[in-house]
Amino acid sequence: MHSADLGIDRENAISEELNVGFTTVIKCVEKKFLNTDFLGKTLNQNILDKIRAAGADVCGENGEYHTLVIGGPIYKSSIEIELGDIVDLGNYAVIDIK
């Protein structure tokens, strides 16, 4: 179920996620919305502004991007990751995460 279906403001939802300390990395983009420059980026206000400027939903609620949460206040520790190659899948692109 999408956040909009629950009556949650998307801008507030993503801002709250960042403000409470979750660390989230973009692992997949739908290329008609976002280019591969977004892959591997950690969500922050600057990246959200760029997502908005590209005309995409800042929460990615329409499939514009997908993320991996690597840290946050509900976890004992953060996950250390290494970014790998970008893989083009046609309409989508992903980044290898190790």
N, C-alpha and C. Protein backbone atom coordinates (compact mmCIF):
# COMPACT_ATOMS: atom_id res chain seq x y z
N MET A 1 0.85 -1.18 0.00
CA MET A 1 0.00 0.00 0.00
C MET A 1 0.89 1.24 0.00
N HIS A 2 0.55 2.19 -0.81
CA HIS A 2 1.32 3.42 -0.91
C HIS A 2 0.97 4.39 0.22
N SER A 3 1.95 5.27 0.52
CA SER A 3 1.73 6.25 1.59
C SER A 3 0.54 7.14 1.30
N ALA A 4 0.33 7.49 0.02
CA ALA A 4 -0.80 8.35 -0.34
C ALA A 4 -2.12 7.65 -0.04
N ASP A 5 -2.15 6.32 -0.20
CA ASP A 5 -3.35 5.56 0.10
C ASP A 5 -3.69 5.61 1.58
N LEU A 6 -2.69 5.87 2.40
CA LEU A 6 -2.88 5.94 3.85
C LEU A 6 -3.13 7.37 4.32
N GLY A 7 -3.17 8.32 3.39
CA GLY A 7 -3.39 9.71 3.75
C GLY A 7 -2.14 10.39 4.30
N ILE A 8 -0.96 9.84 3.99
CA ILE A 8 0.30 10.39 4.48
C ILE A 8 0.90 11.31 3.41
N ASP A 9 1.29 12.50 3.80
CA ASP A 9 1.95 13.42 2.88
C ASP A 9 3.34 12.88 2.57
N ARG A 10 3.62 12.69 1.30
CA ARG A 10 4.88 12.07 0.87
C ARG A 10 6.10 12.89 1.25
N GLU A 11 6.01 14.19 1.10
CA GLU A 11 7.14 15.06 1.47
C GLU A 11 7.46 14.93 2.96
N ASN A 12 6.41 14.94 3.77
CA ASN A 12 6.62 14.81 5.21
C ASN A 12 7.15 13.43 5.58
N ALA A 13 6.67 12.39 4.90
CA ALA A 13 7.10 11.02 5.20
C ALA A 13 8.60 10.86 4.96
N ILE A 14 9.08 11.32 3.82
CA ILE A 14 10.49 11.15 3.50
C ILE A 14 11.36 12.06 4.37
N SER A 15 10.88 13.26 4.68
CA SER A 15 11.63 14.16 5.56
C SER A 15 11.74 13.57 6.96
N GLU A 16 10.67 12.97 7.44
CA GLU A 16 10.70 12.35 8.77
C GLU A 16 11.70 11.20 8.79
N GLU A 17 11.72 10.40 7.72
CA GLU A 17 12.68 9.30 7.64
C GLU A 17 14.11 9.81 7.78
N LEU A 18 14.41 10.89 7.08
CA LEU A 18 15.75 11.46 7.15
C LEU A 18 16.03 12.08 8.52
N ASN A 19 15.05 12.80 9.05
CA ASN A 19 15.24 13.51 10.32
C ASN A 19 15.45 12.58 11.51
N VAL A 20 14.86 11.40 11.48
CA VAL A 20 15.05 10.48 12.61
C VAL A 20 16.33 9.67 12.48
N GLY A 21 17.01 9.77 11.33
CA GLY A 21 18.33 9.17 11.23
C GLY A 21 18.46 7.91 10.39
N PHE A 22 17.49 7.62 9.52
CA PHE A 22 17.66 6.47 8.64
C PHE A 22 18.64 6.83 7.52
N THR A 23 19.48 5.88 7.17
CA THR A 23 20.41 6.03 6.06
C THR A 23 19.94 5.09 4.96
N THR A 24 19.65 5.65 3.80
CA THR A 24 19.03 4.92 2.71
C THR A 24 19.77 5.20 1.42
N VAL A 25 20.11 4.14 0.67
CA VAL A 25 20.87 4.26 -0.57
C VAL A 25 19.97 3.87 -1.75
N ILE A 26 20.03 4.65 -2.81
CA ILE A 26 19.26 4.34 -4.02
C ILE A 26 19.95 3.20 -4.76
N LYS A 27 19.20 2.10 -4.97
CA LYS A 27 19.78 0.91 -5.62
C LYS A 27 19.21 0.63 -7.00
N CYS A 28 18.08 1.26 -7.35
CA CYS A 28 17.44 1.02 -8.64
C CYS A 28 16.71 2.28 -9.08
N VAL A 29 16.80 2.61 -10.36
CA VAL A 29 16.03 3.73 -10.91
C VAL A 29 15.29 3.28 -12.16
N GLU A 30 14.10 3.84 -12.36
CA GLU A 30 13.41 3.69 -13.63
C GLU A 30 13.89 4.84 -14.49
N LYS A 31 14.56 4.52 -15.59
CA LYS A 31 15.28 5.51 -16.37
C LYS A 31 14.39 6.57 -17.02
N LYS A 32 13.11 6.32 -17.18
CA LYS A 32 12.25 7.37 -17.75
C LYS A 32 12.02 8.50 -16.74
N PHE A 33 12.30 8.24 -15.46
CA PHE A 33 12.16 9.26 -14.42
C PHE A 33 13.50 9.81 -13.95
N LEU A 34 14.45 8.93 -13.69
CA LEU A 34 15.73 9.33 -13.10
C LEU A 34 16.88 8.68 -13.86
N ASN A 35 17.97 9.39 -14.00
CA ASN A 35 19.12 8.81 -14.68
C ASN A 35 20.00 8.03 -13.70
N THR A 36 21.01 7.38 -14.24
CA THR A 36 21.86 6.51 -13.42
C THR A 36 22.75 7.27 -12.45
N ASP A 37 22.83 8.59 -12.58
CA ASP A 37 23.61 9.39 -11.61
C ASP A 37 23.07 9.25 -10.19
N PHE A 38 21.81 8.87 -10.05
CA PHE A 38 21.21 8.72 -8.73
C PHE A 38 21.61 7.41 -8.04
N LEU A 39 22.05 6.44 -8.81
CA LEU A 39 22.39 5.13 -8.24
C LEU A 39 23.54 5.23 -7.26
N GLY A 40 23.36 4.61 -6.10
CA GLY A 40 24.38 4.61 -5.06
C GLY A 40 24.38 5.84 -4.17
N LYS A 41 23.53 6.81 -4.49
CA LYS A 41 23.45 8.04 -3.68
C LYS A 41 22.66 7.78 -2.40
N THR A 42 23.12 8.39 -1.34
CA THR A 42 22.40 8.34 -0.07
C THR A 42 21.34 9.43 -0.09
N LEU A 43 20.12 9.06 0.29
CA LEU A 43 19.05 10.06 0.32
C LEU A 43 19.38 11.15 1.33
N ASN A 44 19.28 12.38 0.88
CA ASN A 44 19.40 13.55 1.73
C ASN A 44 18.57 14.64 1.07
N GLN A 45 18.49 15.79 1.67
CA GLN A 45 17.63 16.84 1.13
C GLN A 45 18.06 17.27 -0.27
N ASN A 46 19.36 17.33 -0.51
CA ASN A 46 19.87 17.71 -1.83
C ASN A 46 19.41 16.70 -2.90
N ILE A 47 19.53 15.42 -2.62
CA ILE A 47 19.11 14.39 -3.57
C ILE A 47 17.59 14.44 -3.75
N LEU A 48 16.85 14.65 -2.67
CA LEU A 48 15.39 14.75 -2.80
C LEU A 48 14.99 15.94 -3.67
N ASP A 49 15.71 17.05 -3.54
CA ASP A 49 15.44 18.21 -4.39
C ASP A 49 15.69 17.88 -5.86
N LYS A 50 16.74 17.12 -6.13
CA LYS A 50 17.05 16.73 -7.51
C LYS A 50 16.01 15.74 -8.05
N ILE A 51 15.52 14.84 -7.20
CA ILE A 51 14.46 13.91 -7.61
C ILE A 51 13.20 14.69 -7.96
N ARG A 52 12.84 15.64 -7.11
CA ARG A 52 11.66 16.49 -7.35
C ARG A 52 11.83 17.29 -8.65
N ALA A 53 13.02 17.86 -8.85
CA ALA A 53 13.29 18.67 -10.05
C ALA A 53 13.20 17.83 -11.32
N ALA A 54 13.47 16.54 -11.20
CA ALA A 54 13.37 15.64 -12.36
C ALA A 54 11.92 15.27 -12.65
N GLY A 55 11.00 15.69 -11.78
CA GLY A 55 9.58 15.40 -11.99
C GLY A 55 9.14 14.08 -11.39
N ALA A 56 9.99 13.47 -10.60
CA ALA A 56 9.67 12.18 -9.97
C ALA A 56 9.09 12.40 -8.57
N ASP A 57 8.36 11.42 -8.09
CA ASP A 57 7.83 11.45 -6.73
C ASP A 57 9.00 11.31 -5.76
N VAL A 58 9.09 12.18 -4.76
CA VAL A 58 10.24 12.15 -3.85
C VAL A 58 10.31 10.86 -3.05
N CYS A 59 9.20 10.20 -2.85
CA CYS A 59 9.18 8.92 -2.13
C CYS A 59 9.36 7.72 -3.07
N GLY A 60 9.36 7.97 -4.36
CA GLY A 60 9.47 6.86 -5.30
C GLY A 60 8.24 5.98 -5.32
N GLU A 61 7.11 6.54 -4.93
CA GLU A 61 5.87 5.77 -4.80
C GLU A 61 5.32 5.23 -6.11
N ASN A 62 5.81 5.75 -7.23
CA ASN A 62 5.35 5.28 -8.53
C ASN A 62 6.41 4.42 -9.21
N GLY A 63 7.37 3.94 -8.44
CA GLY A 63 8.41 3.08 -8.97
C GLY A 63 9.60 3.81 -9.56
N GLU A 64 9.70 5.11 -9.33
CA GLU A 64 10.80 5.88 -9.90
C GLU A 64 12.16 5.40 -9.39
N TYR A 65 12.21 4.99 -8.14
CA TYR A 65 13.45 4.47 -7.57
C TYR A 65 13.14 3.54 -6.41
N HIS A 66 14.14 2.70 -6.10
CA HIS A 66 14.03 1.77 -4.98
C HIS A 66 15.30 1.91 -4.15
N THR A 67 15.18 1.64 -2.87
CA THR A 67 16.30 1.89 -1.96
C THR A 67 16.63 0.67 -1.11
N LEU A 68 17.76 0.79 -0.44
CA LEU A 68 18.20 -0.16 0.57
C LEU A 68 18.50 0.66 1.83
N VAL A 69 17.85 0.32 2.92
CA VAL A 69 18.12 0.99 4.20
C VAL A 69 19.34 0.32 4.81
N ILE A 70 20.37 1.11 5.08
CA ILE A 70 21.61 0.55 5.63
C ILE A 70 21.88 0.99 7.06
N GLY A 71 21.00 1.80 7.62
CA GLY A 71 21.18 2.22 9.01
C GLY A 71 19.99 3.01 9.49
N GLY A 72 19.84 3.04 10.80
CA GLY A 72 18.75 3.81 11.38
C GLY A 72 18.61 3.56 12.86
N PRO A 73 17.76 4.34 13.49
CA PRO A 73 17.63 4.29 14.95
C PRO A 73 17.05 2.99 15.49
N ILE A 74 16.44 2.17 14.66
CA ILE A 74 15.87 0.92 15.16
C ILE A 74 16.82 -0.27 14.98
N TYR A 75 18.00 -0.02 14.42
CA TYR A 75 18.97 -1.07 14.18
C TYR A 75 20.13 -0.97 15.16
N LYS A 76 20.72 -2.11 15.49
CA LYS A 76 21.86 -2.12 16.41
C LYS A 76 23.09 -1.48 15.79
N SER A 77 23.27 -1.66 14.49
CA SER A 77 24.41 -1.05 13.80
C SER A 77 24.06 -0.86 12.33
N SER A 78 24.87 -0.07 11.67
CA SER A 78 24.68 0.16 10.24
C SER A 78 25.35 -0.95 9.45
N ILE A 79 24.91 -1.11 8.22
CA ILE A 79 25.51 -2.09 7.32
C ILE A 79 26.56 -1.36 6.47
N GLU A 80 27.76 -1.89 6.46
CA GLU A 80 28.81 -1.34 5.60
C GLU A 80 28.61 -1.93 4.21
N ILE A 81 28.59 -1.08 3.20
CA ILE A 81 28.39 -1.55 1.84
C ILE A 81 29.51 -1.06 0.94
N GLU A 82 29.66 -1.76 -0.17
CA GLU A 82 30.58 -1.34 -1.22
C GLU A 82 29.76 -1.30 -2.50
N LEU A 83 29.84 -0.18 -3.19
CA LEU A 83 29.09 -0.02 -4.44
C LEU A 83 29.88 -0.64 -5.58
N GLY A 84 29.16 -1.37 -6.43
CA GLY A 84 29.79 -2.03 -7.57
C GLY A 84 29.38 -1.37 -8.87
N ASP A 85 29.27 -2.20 -9.88
CA ASP A 85 28.96 -1.74 -11.22
C ASP A 85 27.49 -1.39 -11.37
N ILE A 86 27.22 -0.49 -12.30
CA ILE A 86 25.85 -0.17 -12.69
C ILE A 86 25.46 -1.13 -13.81
N VAL A 87 24.28 -1.71 -13.68
CA VAL A 87 23.78 -2.67 -14.66
C VAL A 87 22.54 -2.09 -15.32
N ASP A 88 22.56 -2.01 -16.64
CA ASP A 88 21.43 -1.49 -17.41
C ASP A 88 20.48 -2.64 -17.70
N LEU A 89 19.22 -2.50 -17.30
CA LEU A 89 18.21 -3.54 -17.49
C LEU A 89 17.12 -3.08 -18.45
N GLY A 90 17.44 -2.18 -19.34
CA GLY A 90 16.44 -1.66 -20.28
C GLY A 90 15.75 -0.44 -19.70
N ASN A 91 14.53 -0.62 -19.20
CA ASN A 91 13.78 0.50 -18.61
C ASN A 91 14.32 0.89 -17.23
N TYR A 92 15.08 -0.01 -16.62
CA TYR A 92 15.62 0.21 -15.28
C TYR A 92 17.13 0.07 -15.30
N ALA A 93 17.75 0.62 -14.28
CA ALA A 93 19.18 0.41 -14.04
C ALA A 93 19.34 0.18 -12.55
N VAL A 94 20.29 -0.67 -12.20
CA VAL A 94 20.58 -0.99 -10.80
C VAL A 94 22.07 -0.86 -10.55
N ILE A 95 22.42 -0.76 -9.30
CA ILE A 95 23.84 -0.75 -8.93
C ILE A 95 24.09 -1.96 -8.04
N ASP A 96 25.18 -2.67 -8.33
CA ASP A 96 25.56 -3.80 -7.48
C ASP A 96 25.95 -3.25 -6.13
N ILE A 97 25.47 -3.90 -5.09
CA ILE A 97 25.81 -3.52 -3.72
C ILE A 97 26.36 -4.76 -3.04
N LYS A 98 27.57 -4.61 -2.48
CA LYS A 98 28.24 -5.74 -1.81
C LYS A 98 28.32 -5.48 -0.34
